[in-house]
Amino acid sequence: MIAGNLGAKIKIGIILIGINFMNTPIPFQTALDQLETGKLVCISEIRTDRQLARRLLGLGIRVGSRVMVTQQRDKGVVVACDGNRVALGGTVASKLFTQPMNLAEASQ
């Protein structure tokens, strides 16, 4: 019984920081590779392993980052994030989930 509760606590903790190793869906999200060019969104979840999450963190892409898709080619995308442009392949882009930003959030 204790082990079952511990597993639930760990799962909740992982979702709260936004890196979802359990692949539990969160509603109203769109994968980055599915967005149209020029759309401003907020990264809401990264569904990947720790190694790729660290690499994305080094590129400045983390949960809460505001990004805009500037180019698309097949499944790969180029995003603008904090004044930098980062090219992401389709596999990586499909693991980054976003939520649209309203006008008040976008102006900040």
N, C-alpha and C. Protein backbone atom coordinates (compact mmCIF):
# COMPACT_ATOMS: atom_id res chain seq x y z
N MET A 1 0.82 -1.20 0.00
CA MET A 1 0.00 0.00 0.00
C MET A 1 0.86 1.26 0.00
N ILE A 2 1.93 1.24 0.76
CA ILE A 2 2.80 2.41 0.81
C ILE A 2 3.46 2.63 -0.55
N ALA A 3 3.90 1.57 -1.20
CA ALA A 3 4.54 1.71 -2.51
C ALA A 3 3.58 2.32 -3.52
N GLY A 4 2.30 1.96 -3.48
CA GLY A 4 1.31 2.53 -4.40
C GLY A 4 1.15 4.02 -4.20
N ASN A 5 1.13 4.46 -2.94
CA ASN A 5 1.01 5.89 -2.66
C ASN A 5 2.26 6.64 -3.09
N LEU A 6 3.42 6.03 -2.91
CA LEU A 6 4.67 6.67 -3.31
C LEU A 6 4.70 6.88 -4.82
N GLY A 7 4.23 5.87 -5.56
CA GLY A 7 4.19 6.01 -7.02
C GLY A 7 3.28 7.14 -7.46
N ALA A 8 2.16 7.31 -6.79
CA ALA A 8 1.23 8.39 -7.13
C ALA A 8 1.86 9.74 -6.83
N LYS A 9 2.58 9.85 -5.73
CA LYS A 9 3.23 11.12 -5.38
C LYS A 9 4.32 11.45 -6.38
N ILE A 10 5.09 10.47 -6.79
CA ILE A 10 6.15 10.71 -7.77
C ILE A 10 5.54 11.16 -9.09
N LYS A 11 4.48 10.52 -9.54
CA LYS A 11 3.84 10.86 -10.80
C LYS A 11 3.31 12.30 -10.76
N ILE A 12 2.68 12.68 -9.68
CA ILE A 12 2.16 14.04 -9.55
C ILE A 12 3.30 15.04 -9.56
N GLY A 13 4.39 14.73 -8.88
CA GLY A 13 5.54 15.64 -8.84
C GLY A 13 6.14 15.86 -10.20
N ILE A 14 6.22 14.83 -11.01
CA ILE A 14 6.80 14.96 -12.34
C ILE A 14 5.92 15.84 -13.22
N ILE A 15 4.63 15.69 -13.14
CA ILE A 15 3.74 16.51 -13.95
C ILE A 15 3.79 17.97 -13.51
N LEU A 16 3.95 18.22 -12.22
CA LEU A 16 3.99 19.60 -11.75
C LEU A 16 5.17 20.38 -12.29
N ILE A 17 6.32 19.74 -12.45
CA ILE A 17 7.46 20.47 -13.00
C ILE A 17 7.41 20.53 -14.51
N GLY A 18 6.50 19.81 -15.13
CA GLY A 18 6.27 19.93 -16.55
C GLY A 18 6.99 18.91 -17.41
N ILE A 19 7.88 18.13 -16.85
CA ILE A 19 8.53 17.08 -17.62
C ILE A 19 7.80 15.80 -17.31
N ASN A 20 7.10 15.29 -18.28
CA ASN A 20 6.19 14.17 -18.07
C ASN A 20 6.83 12.89 -18.58
N PHE A 21 7.47 12.13 -17.68
CA PHE A 21 8.09 10.87 -18.06
C PHE A 21 7.06 9.75 -18.15
N MET A 22 5.85 9.96 -17.64
CA MET A 22 4.82 8.94 -17.62
C MET A 22 3.89 9.02 -18.84
N ASN A 23 4.05 10.05 -19.68
CA ASN A 23 3.21 10.26 -20.86
C ASN A 23 1.73 10.36 -20.52
N THR A 24 1.40 11.01 -19.42
CA THR A 24 0.03 11.25 -19.02
C THR A 24 -0.47 12.50 -19.75
N PRO A 25 -1.55 12.41 -20.52
CA PRO A 25 -1.99 13.58 -21.29
C PRO A 25 -2.58 14.68 -20.40
N ILE A 26 -2.29 15.91 -20.77
CA ILE A 26 -2.87 17.08 -20.13
C ILE A 26 -3.73 17.74 -21.21
N PRO A 27 -4.97 18.09 -20.91
CA PRO A 27 -5.88 18.59 -21.95
C PRO A 27 -5.46 19.93 -22.55
N PHE A 28 -5.94 20.21 -23.76
CA PHE A 28 -5.76 21.48 -24.47
C PHE A 28 -4.30 21.76 -24.81
N GLN A 29 -3.59 20.74 -25.22
CA GLN A 29 -2.20 20.92 -25.62
C GLN A 29 -2.04 20.54 -27.09
N THR A 30 -1.07 21.17 -27.73
CA THR A 30 -0.74 20.88 -29.11
C THR A 30 0.75 20.65 -29.20
N ALA A 31 1.16 19.61 -29.90
CA ALA A 31 2.58 19.36 -30.10
C ALA A 31 3.18 20.47 -30.96
N LEU A 32 4.43 20.80 -30.70
CA LEU A 32 5.09 21.90 -31.40
C LEU A 32 5.15 21.66 -32.90
N ASP A 33 5.29 20.42 -33.32
CA ASP A 33 5.36 20.13 -34.75
C ASP A 33 4.02 20.28 -35.47
N GLN A 34 2.94 20.46 -34.74
CA GLN A 34 1.61 20.62 -35.32
C GLN A 34 1.18 22.08 -35.48
N LEU A 35 2.00 23.01 -35.00
CA LEU A 35 1.63 24.43 -35.03
C LEU A 35 1.91 25.06 -36.38
N GLU A 36 1.17 26.11 -36.67
CA GLU A 36 1.39 26.85 -37.90
C GLU A 36 2.43 27.95 -37.66
N THR A 37 3.06 28.39 -38.71
CA THR A 37 4.08 29.43 -38.63
C THR A 37 3.49 30.74 -38.10
N GLY A 38 4.24 31.42 -37.23
CA GLY A 38 3.83 32.71 -36.69
C GLY A 38 3.01 32.62 -35.43
N LYS A 39 2.74 31.44 -34.93
CA LYS A 39 1.92 31.27 -33.74
C LYS A 39 2.79 31.41 -32.49
N LEU A 40 2.37 32.25 -31.55
CA LEU A 40 3.07 32.44 -30.28
C LEU A 40 2.42 31.56 -29.23
N VAL A 41 3.22 30.70 -28.62
CA VAL A 41 2.71 29.73 -27.65
C VAL A 41 3.64 29.64 -26.45
N CYS A 42 3.17 28.95 -25.43
CA CYS A 42 3.94 28.71 -24.22
C CYS A 42 4.19 27.20 -24.11
N ILE A 43 5.44 26.81 -23.85
CA ILE A 43 5.74 25.39 -23.65
C ILE A 43 5.11 24.97 -22.32
N SER A 44 4.21 24.00 -22.37
CA SER A 44 3.51 23.58 -21.16
C SER A 44 3.98 22.22 -20.64
N GLU A 45 4.60 21.43 -21.52
CA GLU A 45 5.02 20.11 -21.09
C GLU A 45 6.09 19.59 -22.05
N ILE A 46 7.05 18.87 -21.47
CA ILE A 46 8.09 18.21 -22.26
C ILE A 46 8.02 16.73 -21.94
N ARG A 47 7.65 15.94 -22.93
CA ARG A 47 7.51 14.49 -22.73
C ARG A 47 8.73 13.79 -23.29
N THR A 48 9.75 13.69 -22.48
CA THR A 48 11.00 13.10 -22.96
C THR A 48 11.82 12.57 -21.80
N ASP A 49 12.98 12.07 -22.12
CA ASP A 49 13.88 11.59 -21.07
C ASP A 49 14.71 12.75 -20.52
N ARG A 50 15.44 12.48 -19.47
CA ARG A 50 16.20 13.54 -18.81
C ARG A 50 17.31 14.11 -19.68
N GLN A 51 17.93 13.26 -20.49
CA GLN A 51 19.03 13.72 -21.32
C GLN A 51 18.56 14.77 -22.32
N LEU A 52 17.48 14.51 -23.02
CA LEU A 52 16.96 15.49 -23.98
C LEU A 52 16.42 16.71 -23.26
N ALA A 53 15.80 16.53 -22.11
CA ALA A 53 15.29 17.68 -21.34
C ALA A 53 16.45 18.60 -20.97
N ARG A 54 17.59 18.05 -20.59
CA ARG A 54 18.76 18.87 -20.26
C ARG A 54 19.30 19.59 -21.48
N ARG A 55 19.32 18.90 -22.62
CA ARG A 55 19.80 19.53 -23.84
C ARG A 55 18.90 20.71 -24.23
N LEU A 56 17.58 20.51 -24.11
CA LEU A 56 16.66 21.60 -24.42
C LEU A 56 16.83 22.76 -23.44
N LEU A 57 17.07 22.44 -22.18
CA LEU A 57 17.31 23.48 -21.18
C LEU A 57 18.54 24.31 -21.55
N GLY A 58 19.58 23.64 -22.05
CA GLY A 58 20.78 24.34 -22.50
C GLY A 58 20.52 25.24 -23.69
N LEU A 59 19.51 24.92 -24.49
CA LEU A 59 19.13 25.76 -25.63
C LEU A 59 18.17 26.88 -25.23
N GLY A 60 17.77 26.89 -23.97
CA GLY A 60 16.85 27.92 -23.49
C GLY A 60 15.39 27.54 -23.63
N ILE A 61 15.10 26.29 -23.92
CA ILE A 61 13.72 25.84 -24.06
C ILE A 61 13.35 25.03 -22.83
N ARG A 62 12.38 25.54 -22.09
CA ARG A 62 11.94 24.88 -20.86
C ARG A 62 10.45 25.11 -20.70
N VAL A 63 9.86 24.43 -19.75
CA VAL A 63 8.44 24.64 -19.46
C VAL A 63 8.25 26.09 -19.04
N GLY A 64 7.29 26.75 -19.65
CA GLY A 64 7.03 28.16 -19.38
C GLY A 64 7.65 29.09 -20.40
N SER A 65 8.53 28.59 -21.26
CA SER A 65 9.14 29.42 -22.30
C SER A 65 8.10 29.83 -23.32
N ARG A 66 8.18 31.08 -23.75
CA ARG A 66 7.33 31.56 -24.83
C ARG A 66 8.09 31.42 -26.13
N VAL A 67 7.52 30.71 -27.07
CA VAL A 67 8.19 30.46 -28.34
C VAL A 67 7.25 30.79 -29.50
N MET A 68 7.86 31.13 -30.63
CA MET A 68 7.10 31.36 -31.85
C MET A 68 7.70 30.51 -32.96
N VAL A 69 6.87 29.78 -33.67
CA VAL A 69 7.33 28.99 -34.80
C VAL A 69 7.61 29.94 -35.95
N THR A 70 8.86 29.99 -36.39
CA THR A 70 9.22 30.90 -37.48
C THR A 70 9.32 30.19 -38.83
N GLN A 71 9.66 28.91 -38.81
CA GLN A 71 9.74 28.13 -40.05
C GLN A 71 9.31 26.70 -39.78
N GLN A 72 8.78 26.07 -40.82
CA GLN A 72 8.42 24.65 -40.74
C GLN A 72 8.89 23.96 -42.01
N ARG A 73 9.42 22.77 -41.83
CA ARG A 73 9.79 21.95 -42.98
C ARG A 73 9.53 20.51 -42.59
N ASP A 74 8.61 19.88 -43.28
CA ASP A 74 8.13 18.55 -42.90
C ASP A 74 7.68 18.61 -41.45
N LYS A 75 8.29 17.83 -40.57
CA LYS A 75 7.93 17.85 -39.15
C LYS A 75 8.87 18.73 -38.33
N GLY A 76 10.03 19.09 -38.87
CA GLY A 76 10.98 19.94 -38.16
C GLY A 76 10.52 21.38 -38.12
N VAL A 77 10.94 22.10 -37.10
CA VAL A 77 10.54 23.51 -36.94
C VAL A 77 11.74 24.34 -36.51
N VAL A 78 11.67 25.62 -36.80
CA VAL A 78 12.59 26.60 -36.25
C VAL A 78 11.75 27.50 -35.36
N VAL A 79 12.18 27.65 -34.11
CA VAL A 79 11.43 28.47 -33.17
C VAL A 79 12.29 29.63 -32.68
N ALA A 80 11.63 30.74 -32.40
CA ALA A 80 12.28 31.89 -31.77
C ALA A 80 11.93 31.84 -30.28
N CYS A 81 12.97 31.90 -29.45
CA CYS A 81 12.77 31.81 -28.01
C CYS A 81 13.75 32.76 -27.33
N ASP A 82 13.24 33.79 -26.68
CA ASP A 82 14.07 34.76 -25.97
C ASP A 82 15.16 35.37 -26.86
N GLY A 83 14.82 35.73 -28.07
CA GLY A 83 15.77 36.37 -28.97
C GLY A 83 16.69 35.41 -29.71
N ASN A 84 16.58 34.12 -29.47
CA ASN A 84 17.39 33.12 -30.15
C ASN A 84 16.51 32.31 -31.09
N ARG A 85 17.12 31.79 -32.15
CA ARG A 85 16.41 30.89 -33.05
C ARG A 85 17.02 29.50 -32.89
N VAL A 86 16.16 28.51 -32.72
CA VAL A 86 16.59 27.13 -32.51
C VAL A 86 15.87 26.23 -33.50
N ALA A 87 16.64 25.41 -34.22
CA ALA A 87 16.06 24.43 -35.13
C ALA A 87 15.88 23.11 -34.39
N LEU A 88 14.69 22.55 -34.48
CA LEU A 88 14.38 21.29 -33.81
C LEU A 88 13.86 20.29 -34.85
N GLY A 89 14.36 19.07 -34.77
CA GLY A 89 13.88 18.02 -35.66
C GLY A 89 12.47 17.60 -35.29
N GLY A 90 11.85 16.86 -36.16
CA GLY A 90 10.47 16.44 -35.94
C GLY A 90 10.28 15.58 -34.71
N THR A 91 11.24 14.70 -34.42
CA THR A 91 11.12 13.84 -33.23
C THR A 91 11.12 14.66 -31.96
N VAL A 92 12.02 15.64 -31.88
CA VAL A 92 12.08 16.49 -30.69
C VAL A 92 10.85 17.38 -30.62
N ALA A 93 10.47 17.99 -31.73
CA ALA A 93 9.32 18.89 -31.75
C ALA A 93 8.03 18.19 -31.36
N SER A 94 7.92 16.90 -31.66
CA SER A 94 6.70 16.16 -31.31
C SER A 94 6.62 15.86 -29.82
N LYS A 95 7.70 16.05 -29.08
CA LYS A 95 7.72 15.79 -27.64
C LYS A 95 7.51 17.06 -26.82
N LEU A 96 7.44 18.20 -27.48
CA LEU A 96 7.20 19.48 -26.80
C LEU A 96 5.74 19.87 -27.00
N PHE A 97 5.03 20.03 -25.90
CA PHE A 97 3.61 20.36 -25.98
C PHE A 97 3.39 21.79 -25.52
N THR A 98 2.48 22.45 -26.21
CA THR A 98 2.28 23.89 -26.01
C THR A 98 0.83 24.21 -25.72
N GLN A 99 0.65 25.37 -25.17
CA GLN A 99 -0.68 25.93 -24.99
C GLN A 99 -0.68 27.33 -25.57
N PRO A 100 -1.78 27.74 -26.18
CA PRO A 100 -1.82 29.09 -26.76
C PRO A 100 -1.75 30.15 -25.68
N MET A 101 -1.22 31.29 -26.04
CA MET A 101 -1.14 32.40 -25.09
C MET A 101 -2.23 33.40 -25.44
N ASN A 102 -2.83 33.96 -24.40
CA ASN A 102 -3.80 35.01 -24.66
C ASN A 102 -3.06 36.34 -24.85
N LEU A 103 -3.75 37.38 -25.26
CA LEU A 103 -3.09 38.65 -25.57
C LEU A 103 -2.40 39.29 -24.36
N ALA A 104 -2.96 39.12 -23.18
CA ALA A 104 -2.35 39.69 -21.98
C ALA A 104 -1.01 39.03 -21.68
N GLU A 105 -0.93 37.72 -21.84
CA GLU A 105 0.32 36.99 -21.60
C GLU A 105 1.36 37.34 -22.66
N ALA A 106 0.93 37.48 -23.90
CA ALA A 106 1.85 37.73 -24.99
C ALA A 106 2.52 39.10 -24.89
N SER A 107 1.87 40.07 -24.30
CA SER A 107 2.43 41.42 -24.22
C SER A 107 3.42 41.58 -23.08
N GLN A 108 3.52 40.61 -22.19
CA GLN A 108 4.45 40.72 -21.06
C GLN A 108 5.87 40.46 -21.44
